[in-house]
């Protein structure tokens, strides 16, 4: 019996240290990952890569508009990554279509 393909994650974010650590960890766990720093490019990357889940670092600009757009286009989970101290942004992210969130240091 063949194993299913690994879950493919699309990471959207501009914080290089965060991206590097996240991509390394996710790869070690056996997931495949695509990365973009450009919200505008994310839709194309999503379509080409066939992603299963999106991790959105909310440092990225225009996240509310992107969340609404991607939630309308794709039936996949969107997990927002927020910096510590920004927990007040959680309700807004969830209202705009995020399915869950993570807090990073």
Protein backbone atom coordinates (compact mmCIF):
# COMPACT_ATOMS: atom_id res chain seq x y z
CA UNK A 1 0.00 0.00 0.00
CA UNK A 2 1.43 3.37 -1.03
CA UNK A 3 1.86 6.11 1.52
CA UNK A 4 -0.13 9.29 0.95
CA UNK A 5 1.89 12.31 -0.16
CA UNK A 6 3.13 14.55 2.65
CA UNK A 7 1.01 17.48 3.69
CA UNK A 8 2.07 20.53 1.71
CA UNK A 9 2.27 23.81 3.63
CA UNK A 10 2.37 27.28 2.09
CA UNK A 11 4.22 29.70 4.39
CA UNK A 12 3.67 33.41 3.74
CA UNK A 13 5.87 35.75 5.74
CA UNK A 14 8.63 38.30 5.67
CA UNK A 15 10.49 37.52 8.90
CA UNK A 16 13.59 35.65 7.69
CA UNK A 17 14.67 34.16 11.06
CA UNK A 18 11.12 32.94 11.69
CA UNK A 19 10.83 31.53 8.18
CA UNK A 20 14.17 29.72 8.38
CA UNK A 21 13.38 28.06 11.71
CA UNK A 22 9.83 27.19 10.70
CA UNK A 23 10.85 25.73 7.34
CA UNK A 24 13.62 23.67 8.93
CA UNK A 25 11.30 22.30 11.62
CA UNK A 26 8.48 21.51 9.23
CA UNK A 27 10.88 19.76 6.84
CA UNK A 28 12.29 17.64 9.68
CA UNK A 29 8.73 16.58 10.52
CA UNK A 30 8.29 15.27 6.98
CA UNK A 31 6.04 17.94 5.52
CA UNK A 32 6.70 19.69 2.23
CA UNK A 33 6.75 23.49 2.21
CA UNK A 34 6.50 26.34 -0.27
CA UNK A 35 7.40 29.85 0.83
CA UNK A 36 6.58 33.30 -0.43
CA UNK A 37 7.06 36.73 1.08
CA UNK A 38 4.56 38.36 -1.25
CA UNK A 39 0.83 38.21 -0.57
CA UNK A 40 0.19 38.89 -4.27
CA UNK A 41 2.33 35.89 -5.24
CA UNK A 42 0.68 33.63 -2.66
CA UNK A 43 -2.38 32.88 -4.80
CA UNK A 44 -0.23 31.73 -7.70
CA UNK A 45 2.03 29.68 -5.43
CA UNK A 46 -1.04 28.09 -3.85
CA UNK A 47 -2.44 27.11 -7.25
CA UNK A 48 0.86 25.73 -8.55
CA UNK A 49 1.89 23.82 -5.43
CA UNK A 50 -1.45 22.31 -4.46
CA UNK A 51 -1.18 23.27 -0.79
CA UNK A 52 -3.08 21.64 2.07
CA UNK A 53 -2.67 24.38 4.67
CA UNK A 54 -1.50 28.00 4.76
CA UNK A 55 0.63 29.50 7.54
CA UNK A 56 0.38 33.29 7.36
CA UNK A 57 2.79 35.40 9.38
CA UNK A 58 0.65 38.43 10.09
CA UNK A 59 3.62 40.75 9.72
CA UNK A 60 2.76 40.47 6.02
CA UNK A 61 0.87 43.50 4.73
CA UNK A 62 -2.83 43.43 3.83
CA UNK A 63 -3.48 40.21 5.72
CA UNK A 64 -7.19 40.93 6.20
CA UNK A 65 -7.82 41.22 2.48
CA UNK A 66 -5.70 38.14 1.77
CA UNK A 67 -7.48 36.09 4.42
CA UNK A 68 -10.87 36.95 2.96
CA UNK A 69 -9.72 36.18 -0.59
CA UNK A 70 -8.00 32.87 0.14
CA UNK A 71 -10.84 31.71 2.40
CA UNK A 72 -13.28 32.30 -0.47
CA UNK A 73 -11.07 30.49 -3.01
CA UNK A 74 -9.83 27.51 -1.07
CA UNK A 75 -11.32 25.00 1.30
CA UNK A 76 -8.16 24.67 3.35
CA UNK A 77 -7.12 25.75 6.80
CA UNK A 78 -5.39 29.09 7.22
CA UNK A 79 -3.33 29.43 10.40
CA UNK A 80 -2.16 32.91 11.33
CA UNK A 81 1.15 33.38 13.17
CA UNK A 82 1.12 36.38 15.49
CA UNK A 83 4.00 37.87 17.48
CA UNK A 84 3.81 37.66 21.27
CA UNK A 85 1.97 40.67 22.62
CA UNK A 86 -0.36 40.89 19.61
CA UNK A 87 -3.05 38.57 20.96
CA UNK A 88 -5.60 41.39 20.56
CA UNK A 89 -5.38 40.80 16.79
CA UNK A 90 -6.72 37.24 17.10
CA UNK A 91 -10.44 38.13 16.80
CA UNK A 92 -9.78 40.21 13.68
CA UNK A 93 -7.81 37.40 12.05
CA UNK A 94 -10.56 34.89 12.85
CA UNK A 95 -13.24 37.29 11.58
CA UNK A 96 -11.34 37.63 8.28
CA UNK A 97 -11.22 33.88 7.68
CA UNK A 98 -8.33 32.42 9.68
CA UNK A 99 -9.13 28.99 11.08
CA UNK A 100 -6.63 29.10 13.92
CA UNK A 101 -3.59 30.98 15.18
CA UNK A 102 -0.16 30.47 16.74
CA UNK A 103 1.73 32.90 18.97
CA UNK A 104 5.48 33.16 18.38
CA UNK A 105 8.17 34.71 20.56
